[in-house]
Protein backbone atom coordinates (compact mmCIF):
# COMPACT_ATOMS: atom_id res chain seq x y z
CA MET A 1 5.48 -20.72 -16.45
CA ASN A 2 6.34 -18.33 -13.63
CA ARG A 3 3.42 -15.98 -12.92
CA ARG A 4 5.67 -12.96 -12.37
CA ARG A 5 7.37 -13.44 -15.76
CA ALA A 6 4.04 -13.93 -17.50
CA ASP A 7 2.64 -10.77 -15.89
CA MET A 8 5.73 -8.85 -16.95
CA ALA A 9 5.49 -10.13 -20.53
CA ALA A 10 1.80 -9.20 -20.73
CA GLY A 11 2.56 -5.76 -19.30
CA VAL A 12 5.32 -5.20 -21.85
CA LEU A 13 2.97 -6.25 -24.65
CA VAL A 14 0.24 -3.84 -23.51
CA ALA A 15 2.83 -1.06 -23.13
CA ALA A 16 4.09 -1.77 -26.67
CA ILE A 17 0.51 -1.54 -27.98
CA PHE A 18 0.09 1.83 -26.23
CA LEU A 19 3.43 3.07 -27.58
CA PHE A 20 2.70 1.97 -31.14
CA GLY A 21 -0.85 3.37 -30.95
CA GLY A 22 0.51 6.63 -29.58
CA VAL A 23 2.95 6.96 -32.46
CA LEU A 24 0.22 6.27 -35.02
CA THR A 25 -2.12 8.74 -33.29
CA TRP A 26 0.55 11.43 -33.28
CA GLN A 27 1.31 10.88 -36.98
CA ALA A 28 -2.40 11.03 -37.85
CA TYR A 29 -2.76 14.21 -35.81
CA GLN A 30 0.22 15.82 -37.56
CA ARG A 31 -1.21 14.83 -40.97
CA GLN A 32 -4.59 16.28 -40.05
CA ARG A 33 -3.05 19.58 -38.95
CA ALA A 34 -0.96 19.76 -42.11
CA PHE A 35 -4.03 19.21 -44.28
CA GLU A 36 -6.02 21.80 -42.32
CA GLN A 37 -3.23 24.36 -42.70
CA MET A 38 -2.87 23.57 -46.39
CA GLY A 39 -6.65 23.79 -46.86
CA SER A 40 -6.86 27.16 -45.13
CA MET A 41 -3.99 28.49 -47.24
CA ILE A 42 -5.62 27.34 -50.48
CA GLY A 43 -9.05 28.45 -49.33
CA MET A 44 -10.71 25.08 -49.66
CA GLY A 45 -11.71 24.98 -46.01
CA SER A 46 -13.62 21.91 -44.95
CA SER A 47 -13.66 20.13 -48.33
CA MET A 48 -10.17 18.78 -47.68
CA GLY A 49 -11.21 17.25 -44.35
CA ALA A 50 -12.71 14.17 -45.98
CA THR A 51 -9.57 13.28 -47.94
CA HIS A 52 -6.82 13.79 -45.38
CA GLY A 53 -6.78 10.24 -43.93
CA THR A 54 -7.72 8.41 -40.77
CA SER A 55 -8.84 10.46 -37.81
CA PRO A 56 -6.47 10.39 -34.81
CA LEU A 57 -9.45 9.49 -32.60
CA LEU A 58 -9.79 6.18 -34.43
CA TYR A 59 -6.19 5.35 -33.50
CA VAL A 60 -6.84 6.33 -29.88
CA PHE A 61 -9.95 4.14 -29.63
CA GLY A 62 -8.26 1.33 -31.56
CA THR A 63 -5.28 1.39 -29.19
CA LEU A 64 -7.52 1.33 -26.12
CA PHE A 65 -9.64 -1.48 -27.58
CA LEU A 66 -6.64 -3.62 -28.57
CA SER A 67 -4.90 -3.18 -25.22
CA ALA A 68 -8.14 -4.01 -23.39
CA VAL A 69 -8.58 -7.17 -25.48
CA VAL A 70 -4.97 -8.30 -24.93
CA GLY A 71 -4.92 -7.42 -21.21
CA GLY A 72 -8.37 -8.84 -20.54
CA GLY A 73 -7.62 -11.99 -22.52
CA TYR A 74 -4.41 -12.50 -20.57
CA LEU A 75 -6.19 -12.05 -17.23
CA PHE A 76 -8.84 -14.53 -18.37
CA VAL A 77 -6.30 -17.31 -19.12
CA ARG A 78 -3.66 -16.25 -16.59
CA ASP A 79 -4.41 -18.90 -13.96
CA GLU A 80 -4.57 -21.68 -16.51
CA PHE A 81 -1.14 -21.02 -18.00
CA THR A 82 0.74 -19.70 -14.98
CA ASN A 83 -0.48 -22.02 -12.24
CA PRO A 84 2.60 -22.77 -10.14
CA ASP A 85 0.98 -25.88 -8.68
CA ALA A 86 0.27 -27.48 -12.08
CA ASP A 87 3.80 -28.90 -12.44
CA THR A 88 3.86 -29.89 -8.80
CA ARG A 89 0.51 -31.69 -9.07
CA SER A 90 1.58 -33.65 -12.13
CA GLN A 91 4.87 -34.62 -10.48
CA ALA A 92 3.15 -35.69 -7.26
CA THR A 93 0.56 -37.66 -9.21
CA ALA A 94 3.34 -39.43 -11.05
CA ALA A 95 5.07 -40.06 -7.73
CA SER A 96 1.88 -41.52 -6.25
CA ALA A 97 1.45 -43.74 -9.28
CA ASP A 98 5.08 -44.87 -9.04
CA SER A 99 4.74 -45.65 -5.34
CA SER A 100 1.47 -47.53 -5.94
CA GLU A 101 3.09 -49.61 -8.68
CA SER A 102 6.04 -50.34 -6.45
CA ILE A 103 3.79 -51.43 -3.61
CA ALA A 104 1.58 -53.56 -5.84
CA SER A 105 4.41 -55.46 -7.50
CA PRO A 106 7.59 -55.58 -5.39
CA GLU A 107 8.98 -58.49 -7.41
CA GLU A 108 9.24 -56.21 -10.44
CA GLN A 109 11.39 -53.64 -8.66
CA PRO A 110 14.86 -53.27 -10.11
CA ASP A 111 17.78 -54.51 -8.02
CA SER A 112 19.79 -51.63 -6.65
CA GLU A 113 21.95 -50.74 -3.70
CA THR A 114 19.11 -48.98 -1.86
CA PRO A 115 16.78 -51.25 0.11
CA GLN A 116 13.44 -51.98 -1.51
CA ASP A 117 11.43 -50.65 1.41
CA THR A 118 12.63 -47.05 0.95
CA GLN A 119 12.50 -46.83 -2.85
CA PRO A 120 8.90 -45.54 -3.15
CA GLN A 121 9.46 -42.95 -0.44
CA ALA A 122 12.72 -41.82 -2.01
CA ARG A 123 11.06 -41.49 -5.42
CA VAL A 124 8.20 -39.46 -3.96
CA LEU A 125 10.59 -37.17 -2.12
CA GLU A 126 12.71 -36.64 -5.25
CA LEU A 127 9.70 -35.46 -7.22
CA LEU A 128 8.31 -33.06 -4.63
CA PRO A 129 9.26 -29.39 -4.46
CA GLU A 130 11.56 -28.33 -1.65
CA ASP A 131 8.87 -26.92 0.67
CA GLU A 132 6.74 -30.07 0.47
CA ARG A 133 9.79 -32.28 0.92
CA ARG A 134 10.68 -30.37 4.11
CA ILE A 135 7.25 -31.27 5.50
CA LEU A 136 6.98 -34.88 4.28
CA GLU A 137 10.47 -36.07 5.33
CA PRO A 138 9.93 -35.55 9.07
CA VAL A 139 6.48 -37.15 8.83
CA LEU A 140 7.99 -40.23 7.16
CA SER A 141 10.74 -40.52 9.76
CA SER A 142 8.50 -39.72 12.77
CA PRO A 143 4.83 -40.43 12.02
CA GLY A 144 2.39 -38.63 14.28
CA LEU A 145 4.17 -35.30 14.52
CA THR A 146 1.93 -32.36 15.30
CA GLN A 147 1.74 -29.41 12.95
CA ILE A 148 3.46 -27.34 15.63
CA GLU A 149 6.40 -29.76 15.66
CA LEU A 150 6.47 -29.65 11.84
CA ARG A 151 6.60 -25.87 12.01
CA ASP A 152 9.62 -26.07 14.30
CA ARG A 153 11.42 -28.65 12.14
CA SER A 154 10.77 -26.94 8.81
CA ASP A 155 11.23 -23.31 9.91
CA PHE A 156 7.99 -22.42 8.11
CA SER A 157 5.21 -20.20 9.39
CA LYS A 158 2.09 -21.76 10.87
CA SER A 159 0.06 -20.93 7.75
CA LYS A 160 2.75 -22.27 5.39
CA VAL A 161 2.83 -25.58 7.28
CA SER A 162 -0.97 -25.80 7.19
CA GLN A 163 -1.12 -25.03 3.44
CA THR A 164 1.64 -27.51 2.60
CA VAL A 165 0.10 -30.26 4.73
CA SER A 166 -3.26 -29.63 3.04
CA ALA A 167 -1.65 -29.86 -0.41
CA LEU A 168 0.10 -33.14 0.49
CA GLU A 169 -3.13 -34.47 2.00
CA LYS A 170 -5.04 -33.71 -1.21
CA ARG A 171 -2.46 -35.72 -3.15
CA GLY A 172 -2.90 -38.66 -0.81
CA LEU A 173 0.66 -38.59 0.51
CA LEU A 174 -0.33 -38.00 4.13
CA TYR A 175 -3.33 -37.58 6.39
CA ARG A 176 -3.99 -35.80 9.66
CA GLU A 177 -5.99 -36.51 12.77
CA ARG A 178 -7.25 -33.83 15.11
CA GLN A 179 -5.76 -33.78 18.58
CA GLY A 180 -6.94 -30.94 20.75
CA ARG A 181 -6.21 -27.64 19.04
CA THR A 182 -3.78 -29.09 16.51
CA TYR A 183 -3.43 -32.05 14.18
CA ARG A 184 -1.16 -35.08 14.20
CA VAL A 185 0.22 -35.82 10.74
CA TYR A 186 0.83 -39.35 9.42
CA PRO A 187 2.13 -40.66 6.08
CA SER A 188 -0.44 -42.27 3.79
CA ASP A 189 -1.07 -46.00 4.04
CA GLY A 190 0.68 -46.62 0.72
CA LEU A 191 3.91 -45.06 1.95
CA THR A 192 3.86 -46.79 5.34
CA GLU A 193 3.04 -50.22 3.87
CA SER A 194 6.01 -49.99 1.56
CA GLN A 195 8.20 -49.15 4.55
CA ARG A 196 6.99 -52.18 6.51
CA SER A 197 7.35 -54.75 3.69
């Protein structure tokens, strides 16, 4: 789920709780005033106070408590349900598993018009999000590119290239080797072996 949409939905829910609590508080306040006015007219004074209903302060505290529980609960589980990388990780894991299966058993690959040596790479690229695909494609076609060259080819910022390369490296799709003040980036052994065979 998109984090911005989830935040907006939680905000709307908390606002609805405040609105509903405000309405109930206002009604309780109006009732209390009506009973006080009626009591002063009849001359009963404070004896009516116990029978007029719920105090408006209880609605105020109840509204604050409920909104704090809902908002705090949402913030507690927010990262678990709105993690944008969760879908990407599961897709990349599936892609890695597919490429590993393809490498391990090439005789079981289906016959198709595309050559067998590019099928695992194509499957991996299809499953990746656009930003990761824009980094991995040049690395597959020209292994050993520096992160600076990747920045130029992808039109990403230096930090975006570094973050994306790190994410792909964690998934085992590529690795990097330090060279001076930058890194050279290579596809993982599984992807290069499939290309050679």
